[in-house]
């Protein structure tokens, strides 16, 4: 069984990538309830479980069952490439009550009494759930978001390069085994069947660490969105960056060696800082030295500057 999206040329032209802190937050609720399914996140689970006692998540958990459909209004497709949590939370707060009630009615496998309370006054229910999301974010997720963000950023940069170099065919071929591209149709293996066109609206591709290793989709009345498992999730909770080889570290310094190796994929200063456990200022200084030595180069993409290795940097890193 699968979802089939008919993609017109204008849809293919409008493929874009985005991160979603709200999606990761909501998906993490399932991780807490089913640790065995995602044992890769056990370090995070152990860290946050003691913090749950002071939170009232009953209504939120009722809308997010352990499996199956969850209320879509909790995870609106990102409307910008890099939305922040506050902006996404405000979109949840603005959910039309009738839509929220209809989506809550589709949820199965949770406490029906809690869902009935939500449906009786969906406007108030949306406000309560938004408050619960905010409290959960602050208590259990905000401090970990830079680490998750860095992983998602590396994936998006890698996939964007695939799309630019090999087009949609190369992109979808490596996205996930559940996703198949025929040249005009995108097939996504899911527990139900559906055939829809994207109507020229394009497709938002969103990597996820906490929904890993599965795919997820959203469609009308929302912007079509495909959530796919991020690459490298096994490195997410590693403590500190990988060690720098001794010879390279002796040549250019341990921190610069680590940064040069990390630039196998383009990255921003902030993402490198989170990954290297260094301050952004320190990373910026090291990048300045690497750039001055012809080993790295910065390129502006929108409002951000991405750094990558030069050919000389690749050659030096390849000798390790």
Protein backbone atom coordinates (compact mmCIF):
# COMPACT_ATOMS: atom_id res chain seq x y z
CA UNK A 1 0.00 0.00 0.00
CA UNK A 2 1.29 3.46 -0.78
CA UNK A 3 0.58 7.11 -1.24
CA UNK A 4 1.05 8.27 -4.81
CA UNK A 5 1.73 11.91 -5.55
CA UNK A 6 1.50 13.01 -9.17
CA UNK A 7 4.21 15.63 -9.63
CA UNK A 8 4.00 18.14 -12.44
CA UNK A 9 7.15 19.93 -13.66
CA UNK A 10 6.25 22.95 -11.52
CA UNK A 11 6.05 20.69 -8.46
CA UNK A 12 9.51 19.30 -9.13
CA UNK A 13 10.80 22.84 -9.58
CA UNK A 14 9.38 23.76 -6.17
CA UNK A 15 10.96 20.97 -4.14
CA UNK A 16 12.49 22.55 -1.07
CA UNK A 17 14.02 21.49 2.23
CA UNK A 18 13.23 22.73 5.71
CA UNK A 19 13.80 21.88 9.36
CA UNK A 20 10.98 21.70 11.88
CA UNK A 21 11.69 21.93 15.61
CA UNK A 22 7.98 21.37 16.23
CA UNK A 23 7.99 18.15 14.26
CA UNK A 24 10.98 16.85 16.23
CA UNK A 25 9.32 17.86 19.51
CA UNK A 26 6.04 16.10 18.72
CA UNK A 27 7.80 13.01 17.34
CA UNK A 28 9.85 12.81 20.53
CA UNK A 29 6.65 12.15 22.49
CA UNK A 30 6.42 8.81 20.74
CA UNK A 31 10.07 8.15 21.49
CA UNK A 32 9.35 8.60 25.21
CA UNK A 33 6.45 6.14 25.04
CA UNK A 34 8.25 3.53 22.96
CA UNK A 35 11.96 3.65 23.89
CA UNK A 36 12.61 0.19 22.45
CA UNK A 37 11.60 1.39 18.97
CA UNK A 38 14.27 4.08 19.02
CA UNK A 39 16.94 2.90 21.41
CA UNK A 40 19.34 5.24 19.63
CA UNK A 41 17.77 8.05 21.69
CA UNK A 42 18.21 6.39 25.10
CA UNK A 43 20.76 9.00 26.28
CA UNK A 44 18.16 11.72 25.73
CA UNK A 45 15.36 9.65 27.29
CA UNK A 46 17.41 9.04 30.44
CA UNK A 47 18.22 12.74 30.68
CA UNK A 48 14.64 14.02 30.38
CA UNK A 49 12.50 11.39 32.10
CA UNK A 50 13.01 12.91 35.58
CA UNK A 51 11.76 16.26 34.23
CA UNK A 52 8.38 14.93 33.09
CA UNK A 53 6.89 14.74 36.58
CA UNK A 54 6.12 18.46 36.66
CA UNK A 55 4.44 18.56 33.24
CA UNK A 56 0.79 17.97 32.34
CA UNK A 57 1.00 16.23 28.97
CA UNK A 58 -2.23 14.18 29.13
CA UNK A 59 -4.11 16.14 26.46
CA UNK A 60 -1.07 16.41 24.22
CA UNK A 61 -0.38 12.67 24.49
CA UNK A 62 -4.02 11.94 23.66
CA UNK A 63 -3.54 13.74 20.33
CA UNK A 64 -0.26 11.91 19.66
CA UNK A 65 -0.88 8.15 19.97
CA UNK A 66 2.07 5.73 20.05
CA UNK A 67 1.42 4.88 16.40
CA UNK A 68 -0.95 5.76 13.60
CA UNK A 69 -2.47 9.13 12.84
CA UNK A 70 -1.60 12.12 15.05
CA UNK A 71 -3.43 15.44 14.89
CA UNK A 72 -1.83 17.28 11.97
CA UNK A 73 -2.36 20.77 13.39
CA UNK A 74 0.41 20.01 15.91
CA UNK A 75 3.00 19.76 13.12
CA UNK A 76 2.25 22.36 10.42
CA UNK A 77 4.62 22.06 7.45
CA UNK A 78 7.46 24.59 7.75
CA UNK A 79 6.74 27.77 5.80
CA UNK A 80 10.38 28.89 5.83
CA UNK A 81 13.60 26.86 5.46
CA UNK A 82 14.69 27.57 9.04
CA UNK A 83 11.64 28.17 11.25
CA UNK A 84 12.25 28.70 14.94
CA UNK A 85 10.19 27.05 17.63
CA UNK A 86 8.41 30.24 18.68
CA UNK A 87 7.15 30.85 15.14
CA UNK A 88 5.92 27.27 14.76
CA UNK A 89 4.23 27.38 18.18
CA UNK A 90 2.38 30.53 17.15
CA UNK A 91 1.08 28.71 14.06
CA UNK A 92 -0.25 25.95 16.30
CA UNK A 93 -1.95 28.54 18.51
CA UNK A 94 -3.68 30.03 15.44
CA UNK A 95 -5.22 26.68 14.41
CA UNK A 96 -8.85 27.04 13.37
CA UNK A 97 -10.93 25.30 16.10
CA UNK A 98 -13.10 23.39 13.62
CA UNK A 99 -10.03 21.92 11.95
CA UNK A 100 -8.55 20.95 15.32
CA UNK A 101 -11.79 19.21 16.34
CA UNK A 102 -11.98 17.29 13.06
CA UNK A 103 -8.40 16.11 13.32
CA UNK A 104 -8.79 15.10 16.97
CA UNK A 105 -11.76 12.95 15.93
CA UNK A 106 -9.47 10.93 13.63
CA UNK A 107 -7.07 9.97 16.44
CA UNK A 108 -7.29 6.39 17.67
CA UNK A 109 -5.66 4.46 20.50
CA UNK A 110 -5.63 7.07 23.26
CA UNK A 111 -7.92 8.17 26.11
CA UNK A 112 -11.37 8.94 24.56
CA UNK A 113 -12.43 11.00 27.59
CA UNK A 114 -9.53 13.40 27.08
CA UNK A 115 -10.31 13.68 23.38
CA UNK A 116 -13.98 14.38 24.17
CA UNK A 117 -12.95 17.19 26.48
CA UNK A 118 -10.80 18.65 23.69
CA UNK A 119 -13.62 18.37 21.15
CA UNK A 120 -16.13 20.07 23.48
CA UNK A 121 -14.17 23.34 23.26
CA UNK A 122 -11.43 23.02 20.64
CA UNK A 123 -10.39 26.68 20.88
CA UNK A 124 -9.58 26.25 24.56
CA UNK A 125 -8.09 22.83 23.80
CA UNK A 126 -5.70 24.25 21.23
CA UNK A 127 -4.56 26.88 23.76
CA UNK A 128 -3.95 24.23 26.44
CA UNK A 129 -2.07 21.97 24.05
CA UNK A 130 0.08 24.86 22.83
CA UNK A 131 0.95 25.71 26.43
CA UNK A 132 1.86 22.05 27.03
CA UNK A 133 4.10 22.04 23.95
CA UNK A 134 5.87 25.16 25.17
CA UNK A 135 6.41 23.74 28.66
CA UNK A 136 7.66 20.43 27.25
CA UNK A 137 10.04 22.24 24.89
CA UNK A 138 11.55 24.32 27.68
CA UNK A 139 11.90 21.40 30.09
CA UNK A 140 13.01 18.59 27.80
CA UNK A 141 14.07 19.77 24.36
CA UNK A 142 15.41 23.31 24.06
CA UNK A 143 18.87 22.53 25.41
CA UNK A 144 19.22 19.59 23.01
CA UNK A 145 17.92 21.38 19.92
CA UNK A 146 21.32 22.79 18.77
CA UNK A 147 22.68 19.23 18.61
CA UNK A 148 19.64 18.00 16.63
CA UNK A 149 19.72 21.11 14.44
CA UNK A 150 23.36 20.50 13.46
CA UNK A 151 22.55 16.95 12.36
CA UNK A 152 19.54 18.07 10.31
CA UNK A 153 21.53 20.89 8.76
CA UNK A 154 24.25 18.54 7.53
CA UNK A 155 21.63 16.29 5.97
CA UNK A 156 19.86 19.13 4.17
CA UNK A 157 23.12 20.45 2.76
CA UNK A 158 24.01 16.98 1.49
CA UNK A 159 20.57 16.41 -0.07
CA UNK A 160 20.47 19.89 -1.61
CA UNK A 161 23.75 19.18 -3.33
CA UNK A 162 22.31 15.87 -4.62
CA UNK A 163 19.30 17.68 -6.03
CA UNK A 164 21.46 20.34 -7.69
CA UNK A 165 23.85 17.82 -9.23
CA UNK A 166 21.61 14.89 -10.13
CA UNK A 167 18.08 16.27 -10.08
CA UNK A 168 15.00 14.68 -8.54
CA UNK A 169 16.00 11.19 -9.71
CA UNK A 170 19.23 11.13 -7.70
CA UNK A 171 17.63 12.83 -4.71
CA UNK A 172 14.74 10.41 -4.30
CA UNK A 173 16.86 7.35 -5.11
CA UNK A 174 18.82 7.87 -1.91
CA UNK A 175 16.11 9.32 0.31
CA UNK A 176 14.64 6.14 1.81
CA UNK A 177 13.67 2.64 0.58
CA UNK A 178 10.01 3.55 1.21
CA UNK A 179 10.20 6.34 -1.39
CA UNK A 180 10.17 5.62 -5.14
CA UNK A 181 10.34 8.17 -7.96
CA UNK A 182 9.04 7.09 -11.39
CA UNK A 183 9.76 10.32 -13.23
CA UNK A 184 6.28 11.76 -12.78
CA UNK A 185 4.94 10.05 -9.68
CA UNK A 186 6.32 9.85 -6.16
CA UNK A 187 5.30 6.65 -4.34
CA UNK A 188 5.60 6.54 -0.56
CA UNK A 189 5.00 3.22 1.18
CA UNK A 190 2.51 3.88 3.96
CA UNK A 191 -0.29 1.88 5.68
CA UNK A 192 -2.96 3.40 3.42
CA UNK A 193 -3.53 4.12 -0.27
CA UNK A 194 -4.05 7.55 -1.75
CA UNK A 195 -3.47 9.19 -5.13
CA UNK A 196 -3.25 12.96 -5.32
CA UNK A 197 -1.68 15.63 -7.42
CA UNK A 198 0.38 18.35 -5.79
CA UNK A 199 -1.37 21.00 -7.90
CA UNK A 200 1.80 22.98 -8.49
CA UNK A 201 2.33 23.59 -4.76
CA UNK A 202 5.63 21.74 -4.71
CA UNK A 203 6.88 19.48 -1.94
CA UNK A 204 8.61 20.22 1.35
CA UNK A 205 11.21 17.64 2.38
CA UNK A 206 11.88 17.55 6.12
CA UNK A 207 14.60 15.37 7.70
CA UNK A 208 13.81 13.95 11.12
CA UNK A 209 15.89 12.42 13.89
CA UNK A 210 13.02 11.54 16.23
CA UNK A 211 10.72 9.98 13.62
CA UNK A 212 13.66 7.90 12.37
CA UNK A 213 13.71 5.32 10.83
CA UNK A 214 10.26 5.87 9.28
CA UNK A 215 8.80 8.27 6.73
CA UNK A 216 5.69 10.40 7.22
CA UNK A 217 3.55 12.54 4.94
CA UNK A 218 1.13 15.45 5.09
CA UNK A 219 -1.08 16.71 2.28
CA UNK A 220 -4.20 18.83 1.70
CA UNK A 221 -5.35 21.03 3.30
CA UNK A 222 -1.68 21.50 4.23
CA UNK A 223 1.36 22.10 2.06
CA UNK A 224 2.46 18.62 0.88
CA UNK A 225 5.31 17.46 3.10
CA UNK A 226 7.46 14.35 3.20
CA UNK A 227 9.33 13.62 6.43
CA UNK A 228 12.28 11.27 5.93
CA UNK A 229 14.88 9.75 8.30
CA UNK A 230 17.98 11.86 8.70
CA UNK A 231 21.36 10.38 7.86
CA UNK A 232 23.90 9.94 10.64
CA UNK A 233 21.42 9.66 13.50
CA UNK A 234 23.78 7.22 15.20
CA UNK A 235 26.17 10.11 15.89
CA UNK A 236 23.54 12.35 17.48
CA UNK A 237 24.29 11.57 21.12
CA UNK A 238 28.01 10.96 20.84
CA UNK A 239 29.94 12.92 23.40
CA UNK A 240 32.13 15.44 21.66
CA UNK A 241 33.54 15.39 18.11
CA UNK A 242 35.52 12.48 16.68
CA UNK A 243 39.21 12.61 17.60
CA UNK A 244 41.55 14.26 15.16
CA UNK A 245 44.31 12.06 13.74
CA UNK A 246 47.61 12.76 15.43
CA UNK A 247 49.59 13.77 12.33
CA UNK A 248 46.99 16.27 11.13
CA UNK A 249 46.52 17.64 14.65
CA UNK A 250 50.27 18.11 15.01
CA UNK A 251 50.35 19.97 11.70
CA UNK A 252 47.49 22.45 12.11
CA UNK A 253 46.28 21.99 15.69
CA UNK A 254 43.72 19.60 17.17
CA UNK A 255 40.69 21.90 16.98
CA UNK A 256 41.43 22.98 13.43
CA UNK A 257 41.98 19.37 12.42
CA UNK A 258 38.58 18.41 13.84
CA UNK A 259 36.92 21.29 12.04
CA UNK A 260 38.63 20.45 8.76
CA UNK A 261 37.45 16.84 9.00
CA UNK A 262 33.92 18.00 9.88
CA UNK A 263 33.85 20.13 6.73
CA UNK A 264 33.47 16.99 4.63
CA UNK A 265 29.94 18.38 4.49
CA UNK A 266 29.38 22.18 4.31
CA UNK A 267 28.35 23.70 7.64
CA UNK A 268 27.74 27.02 9.33
CA UNK A 269 29.83 28.39 12.17
CA UNK A 270 27.05 27.78 14.68
CA UNK A 271 26.54 24.17 13.58
CA UNK A 272 30.27 23.50 13.81
CA UNK A 273 30.39 25.08 17.26
CA UNK A 274 27.63 22.79 18.52
CA UNK A 275 29.28 19.74 17.04
CA UNK A 276 32.79 20.61 18.20
CA UNK A 277 31.74 21.75 21.71
CA UNK A 278 33.49 25.08 21.05
CA UNK A 279 32.23 28.65 21.17
CA UNK A 280 31.15 30.22 17.86
CA UNK A 281 33.89 32.79 18.32
CA UNK A 282 36.57 30.12 18.60
CA UNK A 283 35.24 28.28 15.56
CA UNK A 284 35.18 31.54 13.61
CA UNK A 285 38.84 32.15 14.43
CA UNK A 286 39.83 28.65 13.36
CA UNK A 287 37.84 28.98 10.14
CA UNK A 288 39.66 32.24 9.46
CA UNK A 289 43.00 30.46 9.73
CA UNK A 290 41.82 27.54 7.57
CA UNK A 291 40.44 29.94 4.97
CA UNK A 292 43.59 32.03 5.01
CA UNK A 293 45.61 28.88 4.41
CA UNK A 294 43.48 27.90 1.42
CA UNK A 295 41.99 24.86 3.15
CA UNK A 296 38.42 26.11 3.51
CA UNK A 297 36.18 28.66 1.87
CA UNK A 298 32.94 30.37 2.90
CA UNK A 299 29.94 30.79 0.60
CA UNK A 300 26.83 32.80 1.34
CA UNK A 301 23.50 30.98 1.08
CA UNK A 302 20.64 33.32 1.93
CA UNK A 303 21.42 34.89 5.30
CA UNK A 304 23.95 32.25 6.27
CA UNK A 305 27.58 31.58 5.41
CA UNK A 306 28.42 27.93 4.77
CA UNK A 307 32.00 26.73 4.95
CA UNK A 308 33.40 23.85 2.94
CA UNK A 309 36.79 22.38 2.28
CA UNK A 310 38.75 23.44 -0.78
CA UNK A 311 40.54 20.92 -2.98
CA UNK A 312 43.68 21.51 -0.91
CA UNK A 313 41.65 20.90 2.26
CA UNK A 314 40.26 17.66 0.79
CA UNK A 315 43.75 16.49 -0.09
CA UNK A 316 45.09 17.27 3.36
CA UNK A 317 42.16 15.62 5.13
CA UNK A 318 42.47 12.63 2.81
CA UNK A 319 46.00 11.96 3.99
CA UNK A 320 44.78 11.14 7.52
